[in-house]
PDB file of all heavy atoms in Angstrom:
ATOM      1  N   ALA A   1     188.632 243.505   8.874  1.00  0.00           N
ATOM      2  CA  ALA A   1     188.161 244.885   9.158  1.00  0.00           C
ATOM      3  C   ALA A   1     187.339 245.471   8.037  1.00  0.00           C
ATOM      4  O   ALA A   1     186.444 246.302   8.299  1.00  0.00           O
ATOM      5  CB  ALA A   1     189.341 245.823   9.533  1.00  0.00           C
ATOM      6  N   LYS A   2     187.661 245.037   6.877  1.00  0.00           N
ATOM      7  CA  LYS A   2     186.962 245.537   5.697  1.00  0.00           C
ATOM      8  C   LYS A   2     185.940 244.462   5.201  1.00  0.00           C
ATOM      9  O   LYS A   2     185.293 244.707   4.176  1.00  0.00           O
ATOM     10  CB  LYS A   2     187.876 245.840   4.531  1.00  0.00           C
ATOM     11  CG  LYS A   2     188.827 247.017   4.862  1.00  0.00           C
ATOM     12  CD  LYS A   2     189.679 247.392   3.672  1.00  0.00           C
ATOM     13  CE  LYS A   2     190.544 248.513   3.910  1.00  0.00           C
ATOM     14  NZ  LYS A   2     191.384 248.905   2.802  1.00  0.00           N
ATOM     15  N   ASN A   3     185.826 243.365   5.880  1.00  0.00           N
ATOM     16  CA  ASN A   3     184.880 242.294   5.528  1.00  0.00           C
ATOM     17  C   ASN A   3     185.112 241.820   4.105  1.00  0.00           C
ATOM     18  O   ASN A   3     184.196 241.584   3.332  1.00  0.00           O
ATOM     19  CB  ASN A   3     183.466 242.756   5.674  1.00  0.00           C
ATOM     20  CG  ASN A   3     182.676 241.994   6.762  1.00  0.00           C
ATOM     21  OD1 ASN A   3     183.247 241.384   7.613  1.00  0.00           O
ATOM     22  ND2 ASN A   3     181.335 242.070   6.637  1.00  0.00           N
ATOM     23  N   THR A   4     186.371 241.687   3.740  1.00  0.00           N
ATOM     24  CA  THR A   4     186.742 241.333   2.348  1.00  0.00           C
ATOM     25  C   THR A   4     187.862 240.304   2.306  1.00  0.00           C
ATOM     26  O   THR A   4     188.783 240.373   3.097  1.00  0.00           O
ATOM     27  CB  THR A   4     187.190 242.591   1.624  1.00  0.00           C
ATOM     28  OG1 THR A   4     186.170 243.622   1.680  1.00  0.00           O
ATOM     29  CG2 THR A   4     187.521 242.336   0.161  1.00  0.00           C
ATOM     30  N   VAL A   5     187.715 239.380   1.386  1.00  0.00           N
ATOM     31  CA  VAL A   5     188.696 238.404   0.994  1.00  0.00           C
ATOM     32  C   VAL A   5     189.205 238.834  -0.365  1.00  0.00           C
ATOM     33  O   VAL A   5     188.401 239.145  -1.247  1.00  0.00           O
ATOM     34  CB  VAL A   5     188.185 237.006   1.044  1.00  0.00           C
ATOM     35  CG1 VAL A   5     189.187 235.990   0.419  1.00  0.00           C
ATOM     36  CG2 VAL A   5     187.835 236.564   2.477  1.00  0.00           C
ATOM     37  N   TYR A   6     190.520 238.745  -0.569  1.00  0.00           N
ATOM     38  CA  TYR A   6     191.135 239.092  -1.831  1.00  0.00           C
ATOM     39  C   TYR A   6     191.763 237.880  -2.498  1.00  0.00           C
ATOM     40  O   TYR A   6     192.180 236.925  -1.828  1.00  0.00           O
ATOM     41  CB  TYR A   6     192.175 240.151  -1.676  1.00  0.00           C
ATOM     42  CG  TYR A   6     191.621 241.423  -1.051  1.00  0.00           C
ATOM     43  CD1 TYR A   6     191.846 241.693   0.318  1.00  0.00           C
ATOM     44  CD2 TYR A   6     191.005 242.383  -1.771  1.00  0.00           C
ATOM     45  CE1 TYR A   6     191.359 242.824   0.948  1.00  0.00           C
ATOM     46  CE2 TYR A   6     190.500 243.569  -1.169  1.00  0.00           C
ATOM     47  CZ  TYR A   6     190.690 243.753   0.175  1.00  0.00           C
ATOM     48  OH  TYR A   6     190.215 244.903   0.786  1.00  0.00           O
ATOM     49  N   LEU A   7     191.864 237.999  -3.811  1.00  0.00           N
ATOM     50  CA  LEU A   7     192.634 236.996  -4.548  1.00  0.00           C
ATOM     51  C   LEU A   7     193.482 237.734  -5.612  1.00  0.00           C
ATOM     52  O   LEU A   7     192.961 238.334  -6.514  1.00  0.00           O
ATOM     53  CB  LEU A   7     191.669 236.051  -5.309  1.00  0.00           C
ATOM     54  CG  LEU A   7     192.333 234.952  -6.108  1.00  0.00           C
ATOM     55  CD1 LEU A   7     193.000 233.929  -5.225  1.00  0.00           C
ATOM     56  CD2 LEU A   7     191.387 234.284  -7.058  1.00  0.00           C
ATOM     57  N   GLU A   8     194.772 237.689  -5.360  1.00  0.00           N
ATOM     58  CA  GLU A   8     195.703 238.251  -6.351  1.00  0.00           C
ATOM     59  C   GLU A   8     196.163 237.191  -7.275  1.00  0.00           C
ATOM     60  O   GLU A   8     196.631 236.147  -6.834  1.00  0.00           O
ATOM     61  CB  GLU A   8     196.932 238.841  -5.576  1.00  0.00           C
ATOM     62  CG  GLU A   8     197.909 239.477  -6.537  1.00  0.00           C
ATOM     63  CD  GLU A   8     199.095 240.033  -5.780  1.00  0.00           C
ATOM     64  OE1 GLU A   8     199.148 240.023  -4.532  1.00  0.00           O
ATOM     65  OE2 GLU A   8     200.064 240.485  -6.458  1.00  0.00           O
ATOM     66  N   MET A   9     195.979 237.448  -8.563  1.00  0.00           N
ATOM     67  CA  MET A   9     196.298 236.486  -9.608  1.00  0.00           C
ATOM     68  C   MET A   9     197.388 237.036 -10.508  1.00  0.00           C
ATOM     69  O   MET A   9     197.230 238.175 -11.099  1.00  0.00           O
ATOM     70  CB  MET A   9     195.022 236.165 -10.425  1.00  0.00           C
ATOM     71  CG  MET A   9     193.889 235.677  -9.608  1.00  0.00           C
ATOM     72  SD  MET A   9     192.424 235.091 -10.629  1.00  0.00           S
ATOM     73  CE  MET A   9     192.027 236.675 -11.322  1.00  0.00           C
ATOM     74  N   ASN A  10     198.514 236.370 -10.623  1.00  0.00           N
ATOM     75  CA  ASN A  10     199.612 236.777 -11.412  1.00  0.00           C
ATOM     76  C   ASN A  10     199.911 235.740 -12.436  1.00  0.00           C
ATOM     77  O   ASN A  10     199.511 234.565 -12.345  1.00  0.00           O
ATOM     78  CB  ASN A  10     200.829 237.050 -10.579  1.00  0.00           C
ATOM     79  CG  ASN A  10     200.636 238.140  -9.529  1.00  0.00           C
ATOM     80  OD1 ASN A  10     200.197 239.228  -9.853  1.00  0.00           O
ATOM     81  ND2 ASN A  10     200.987 237.864  -8.282  1.00  0.00           N
ATOM     82  N   SER A  11     200.663 236.104 -13.462  1.00  0.00           N
ATOM     83  CA  SER A  11     201.078 235.189 -14.490  1.00  0.00           C
ATOM     84  C   SER A  11     199.870 234.441 -15.064  1.00  0.00           C
ATOM     85  O   SER A  11     199.914 233.208 -15.235  1.00  0.00           O
ATOM     86  CB  SER A  11     202.131 234.195 -13.979  1.00  0.00           C
ATOM     87  OG  SER A  11     203.273 234.931 -13.514  1.00  0.00           O
ATOM     88  N   LEU A  12     198.843 235.140 -15.355  1.00  0.00           N
ATOM     89  CA  LEU A  12     197.627 234.483 -15.800  1.00  0.00           C
ATOM     90  C   LEU A  12     197.806 233.766 -17.140  1.00  0.00           C
ATOM     91  O   LEU A  12     198.528 234.245 -18.043  1.00  0.00           O
ATOM     92  CB  LEU A  12     196.515 235.532 -15.873  1.00  0.00           C
ATOM     93  CG  LEU A  12     195.954 235.921 -14.514  1.00  0.00           C
ATOM     94  CD1 LEU A  12     195.157 237.244 -14.608  1.00  0.00           C
ATOM     95  CD2 LEU A  12     195.067 234.796 -13.997  1.00  0.00           C
ATOM     96  N   LYS A  13     197.082 232.685 -17.303  1.00  0.00           N
ATOM     97  CA  LYS A  13     197.137 231.835 -18.420  1.00  0.00           C
ATOM     98  C   LYS A  13     195.737 231.740 -19.028  1.00  0.00           C
ATOM     99  O   LYS A  13     194.732 231.940 -18.334  1.00  0.00           O
ATOM    100  CB  LYS A  13     197.598 230.447 -18.118  1.00  0.00           C
ATOM    101  CG  LYS A  13     198.950 230.406 -17.393  1.00  0.00           C
ATOM    102  CD  LYS A  13     199.294 229.019 -16.889  1.00  0.00           C
ATOM    103  CE  LYS A  13     200.575 228.943 -16.191  1.00  0.00           C
ATOM    104  NZ  LYS A  13     200.880 227.533 -15.722  1.00  0.00           N
ATOM    105  N   PRO A  14     195.613 231.441 -20.335  1.00  0.00           N
ATOM    106  CA  PRO A  14     194.334 231.284 -20.962  1.00  0.00           C
ATOM    107  C   PRO A  14     193.439 230.289 -20.233  1.00  0.00           C
ATOM    108  O   PRO A  14     192.242 230.443 -20.134  1.00  0.00           O
ATOM    109  CB  PRO A  14     194.672 230.822 -22.408  1.00  0.00           C
ATOM    110  CG  PRO A  14     195.981 231.478 -22.639  1.00  0.00           C
ATOM    111  CD  PRO A  14     196.707 231.369 -21.358  1.00  0.00           C
ATOM    112  N   GLU A  15     194.062 229.239 -19.654  1.00  0.00           N
ATOM    113  CA  GLU A  15     193.270 228.224 -18.981  1.00  0.00           C
ATOM    114  C   GLU A  15     192.721 228.711 -17.665  1.00  0.00           C
ATOM    115  O   GLU A  15     191.947 227.991 -16.991  1.00  0.00           O
ATOM    116  CB  GLU A  15     194.107 226.930 -18.786  1.00  0.00           C
ATOM    117  CG  GLU A  15     195.419 227.159 -18.123  1.00  0.00           C
ATOM    118  CD  GLU A  15     196.553 227.223 -19.119  1.00  0.00           C
ATOM    119  OE1 GLU A  15     196.426 227.879 -20.186  1.00  0.00           O
ATOM    120  OE2 GLU A  15     197.650 226.617 -18.896  1.00  0.00           O
ATOM    121  N   ASP A  16     193.107 229.906 -17.218  1.00  0.00           N
ATOM    122  CA  ASP A  16     192.503 230.481 -16.027  1.00  0.00           C
ATOM    123  C   ASP A  16     191.215 231.155 -16.347  1.00  0.00           C
ATOM    124  O   ASP A  16     190.511 231.595 -15.405  1.00  0.00           O
ATOM    125  CB  ASP A  16     193.478 231.542 -15.424  1.00  0.00           C
ATOM    126  CG  ASP A  16     194.742 230.921 -14.904  1.00  0.00           C
ATOM    127  OD1 ASP A  16     194.699 229.850 -14.251  1.00  0.00           O
ATOM    128  OD2 ASP A  16     195.828 231.529 -15.057  1.00  0.00           O
ATOM    129  N   THR A  17     190.810 231.267 -17.560  1.00  0.00           N
ATOM    130  CA  THR A  17     189.545 231.866 -17.948  1.00  0.00           C
ATOM    131  C   THR A  17     188.359 231.183 -17.365  1.00  0.00           C
ATOM    132  O   THR A  17     188.322 229.961 -17.349  1.00  0.00           O
ATOM    133  CB  THR A  17     189.419 231.902 -19.488  1.00  0.00           C
ATOM    134  OG1 THR A  17     190.453 232.738 -20.061  1.00  0.00           O
ATOM    135  CG2 THR A  17     188.045 232.432 -19.895  1.00  0.00           C
ATOM    136  N   GLY A  18     187.454 231.942 -16.828  1.00  0.00           N
ATOM    137  CA  GLY A  18     186.217 231.404 -16.231  1.00  0.00           C
ATOM    138  C   GLY A  18     185.557 232.399 -15.388  1.00  0.00           C
ATOM    139  O   GLY A  18     185.983 233.520 -15.243  1.00  0.00           O
ATOM    140  N   VAL A  19     184.464 231.980 -14.800  1.00  0.00           N
ATOM    141  CA  VAL A  19     183.731 232.781 -13.795  1.00  0.00           C
ATOM    142  C   VAL A  19     184.281 232.427 -12.445  1.00  0.00           C
ATOM    143  O   VAL A  19     184.251 231.251 -12.064  1.00  0.00           O
ATOM    144  CB  VAL A  19     182.191 232.584 -13.902  1.00  0.00           C
ATOM    145  CG1 VAL A  19     181.481 233.438 -12.850  1.00  0.00           C
ATOM    146  CG2 VAL A  19     181.699 232.919 -15.317  1.00  0.00           C
ATOM    147  N   TYR A  20     184.643 233.411 -11.720  1.00  0.00           N
ATOM    148  CA  TYR A  20     185.272 233.213 -10.411  1.00  0.00           C
ATOM    149  C   TYR A  20     184.276 233.509  -9.273  1.00  0.00           C
ATOM    150  O   TYR A  20     183.613 234.594  -9.298  1.00  0.00           O
ATOM    151  CB  TYR A  20     186.499 234.064 -10.217  1.00  0.00           C
ATOM    152  CG  TYR A  20     187.705 233.481 -10.907  1.00  0.00           C
ATOM    153  CD1 TYR A  20     187.710 233.323 -12.324  1.00  0.00           C
ATOM    154  CD2 TYR A  20     188.799 232.985 -10.201  1.00  0.00           C
ATOM    155  CE1 TYR A  20     188.782 232.791 -12.960  1.00  0.00           C
ATOM    156  CE2 TYR A  20     189.936 232.446 -10.911  1.00  0.00           C
ATOM    157  CZ  TYR A  20     189.854 232.360 -12.224  1.00  0.00           C
ATOM    158  OH  TYR A  20     190.942 231.773 -12.910  1.00  0.00           O
ATOM    159  N   TYR A  21     184.142 232.608  -8.345  1.00  0.00           N
ATOM    160  CA  TYR A  21     183.171 232.723  -7.277  1.00  0.00           C
ATOM    161  C   TYR A  21     183.904 232.614  -5.917  1.00  0.00           C
ATOM    162  O   TYR A  21     184.872 231.924  -5.798  1.00  0.00           O
ATOM    163  CB  TYR A  21     182.183 231.634  -7.249  1.00  0.00           C
ATOM    164  CG  TYR A  21     181.337 231.526  -8.513  1.00  0.00           C
ATOM    165  CD1 TYR A  21     181.745 230.745  -9.631  1.00  0.00           C
ATOM    166  CD2 TYR A  21     180.114 232.198  -8.620  1.00  0.00           C
ATOM    167  CE1 TYR A  21     181.005 230.643 -10.781  1.00  0.00           C
ATOM    168  CE2 TYR A  21     179.378 232.085  -9.794  1.00  0.00           C
ATOM    169  CZ  TYR A  21     179.808 231.295 -10.840  1.00  0.00           C
ATOM    170  OH  TYR A  21     179.051 231.167 -12.009  1.00  0.00           O
ATOM    171  N   CYS A  22     183.338 233.274  -4.905  1.00  0.00           N
ATOM    172  CA  CYS A  22     183.706 232.995  -3.506  1.00  0.00           C
ATOM    173  C   CYS A  22     182.433 232.419  -2.826  1.00  0.00           C
ATOM    174  O   CYS A  22     181.308 232.653  -3.225  1.00  0.00           O
ATOM    175  CB  CYS A  22     184.263 234.263  -2.804  1.00  0.00           C
ATOM    176  SG  CYS A  22     183.156 235.674  -2.705  1.00  0.00           S
ATOM    177  N   ALA A  23     182.714 231.703  -1.743  1.00  0.00           N
ATOM    178  CA  ALA A  23     181.609 231.087  -0.996  1.00  0.00           C
ATOM    179  C   ALA A  23     182.097 230.771   0.438  1.00  0.00           C
ATOM    180  O   ALA A  23     183.283 230.712   0.719  1.00  0.00           O
ATOM    181  CB  ALA A  23     181.104 229.873  -1.695  1.00  0.00           C
ATOM    182  N   ARG A  24     181.082 230.612   1.312  1.00  0.00           N
ATOM    183  CA  ARG A  24     181.383 230.270   2.706  1.00  0.00           C
ATOM    184  C   ARG A  24     181.413 228.790   2.928  1.00  0.00           C
ATOM    185  O   ARG A  24     180.490 228.077   2.472  1.00  0.00           O
ATOM    186  CB  ARG A  24     180.323 230.948   3.587  1.00  0.00           C
ATOM    187  CG  ARG A  24     180.226 230.410   5.027  1.00  0.00           C
ATOM    188  CD  ARG A  24     178.957 230.870   5.660  1.00  0.00           C
ATOM    189  NE  ARG A  24     178.692 230.049   6.850  1.00  0.00           N
ATOM    190  CZ  ARG A  24     177.561 230.121   7.551  1.00  0.00           C
ATOM    191  NH1 ARG A  24     176.607 230.921   7.214  1.00  0.00           N
ATOM    192  NH2 ARG A  24     177.393 229.375   8.603  1.00  0.00           N
ATOM    193  N   ARG A  25     182.371 228.293   3.733  1.00  0.00           N
ATOM    194  CA  ARG A  25     182.377 226.961   4.077  1.00  0.00           C
ATOM    195  C   ARG A  25     181.262 226.631   5.079  1.00  0.00           C
ATOM    196  O   ARG A  25     181.062 227.407   6.042  1.00  0.00           O
ATOM    197  CB  ARG A  25     183.692 226.572   4.735  1.00  0.00           C
ATOM    198  CG  ARG A  25     183.768 225.128   5.246  1.00  0.00           C
ATOM    199  CD  ARG A  25     185.015 224.886   6.053  1.00  0.00           C
ATOM    200  NE  ARG A  25     185.013 223.561   6.696  1.00  0.00           N
ATOM    201  CZ  ARG A  25     184.428 223.307   7.857  1.00  0.00           C
ATOM    202  NH1 ARG A  25     183.822 224.322   8.553  1.00  0.00           N
ATOM    203  NH2 ARG A  25     184.434 222.089   8.391  1.00  0.00           N
ATOM    204  N   THR A  26     180.490 225.593   4.869  1.00  0.00           N
ATOM    205  CA  THR A  26     179.431 225.143   5.762  1.00  0.00           C
ATOM    206  C   THR A  26     179.670 223.739   6.330  1.00  0.00           C
ATOM    207  O   THR A  26     178.983 223.386   7.273  1.00  0.00           O
ATOM    208  CB  THR A  26     178.084 225.252   5.116  1.00  0.00           C
ATOM    209  OG1 THR A  26     178.075 224.363   3.923  1.00  0.00           O
ATOM    210  CG2 THR A  26     177.742 226.653   4.674  1.00  0.00           C
ATOM    211  N   SER A  27     180.493 222.951   5.715  1.00  0.00           N
ATOM    212  CA  SER A  27     180.756 221.642   6.168  1.00  0.00           C
ATOM    213  C   SER A  27     182.050 221.138   5.541  1.00  0.00           C
ATOM    214  O   SER A  27     182.714 221.831   4.783  1.00  0.00           O
ATOM    215  CB  SER A  27     179.594 220.668   5.761  1.00  0.00           C
ATOM    216  OG  SER A  27     179.519 220.589   4.329  1.00  0.00           O
ATOM    217  N   GLY A  28     182.497 219.925   5.894  1.00  0.00           N
ATOM    218  CA  GLY A  28     183.599 219.294   5.290  1.00  0.00           C
ATOM    219  C   GLY A  28     184.928 219.714   5.923  1.00  0.00           C
ATOM    220  O   GLY A  28     184.982 220.252   7.049  1.00  0.00           O
ATOM    221  N   ALA A  29     186.016 219.434   5.168  1.00  0.00           N
ATOM    222  CA  ALA A  29     187.340 219.656   5.732  1.00  0.00           C
ATOM    223  C   ALA A  29     187.582 221.088   6.024  1.00  0.00           C
ATOM    224  O   ALA A  29     187.189 221.981   5.300  1.00  0.00           O
ATOM    225  CB  ALA A  29     188.364 219.069   4.788  1.00  0.00           C
TER     226      ALA A  29
END
């Protein structure tokens, strides 16, 4: 209804550092 996908991230670790992207599936599984 809000045209939004969310990602809740808990217990974050240094190795989680990075640029986070969302994208639409166009093929594959």
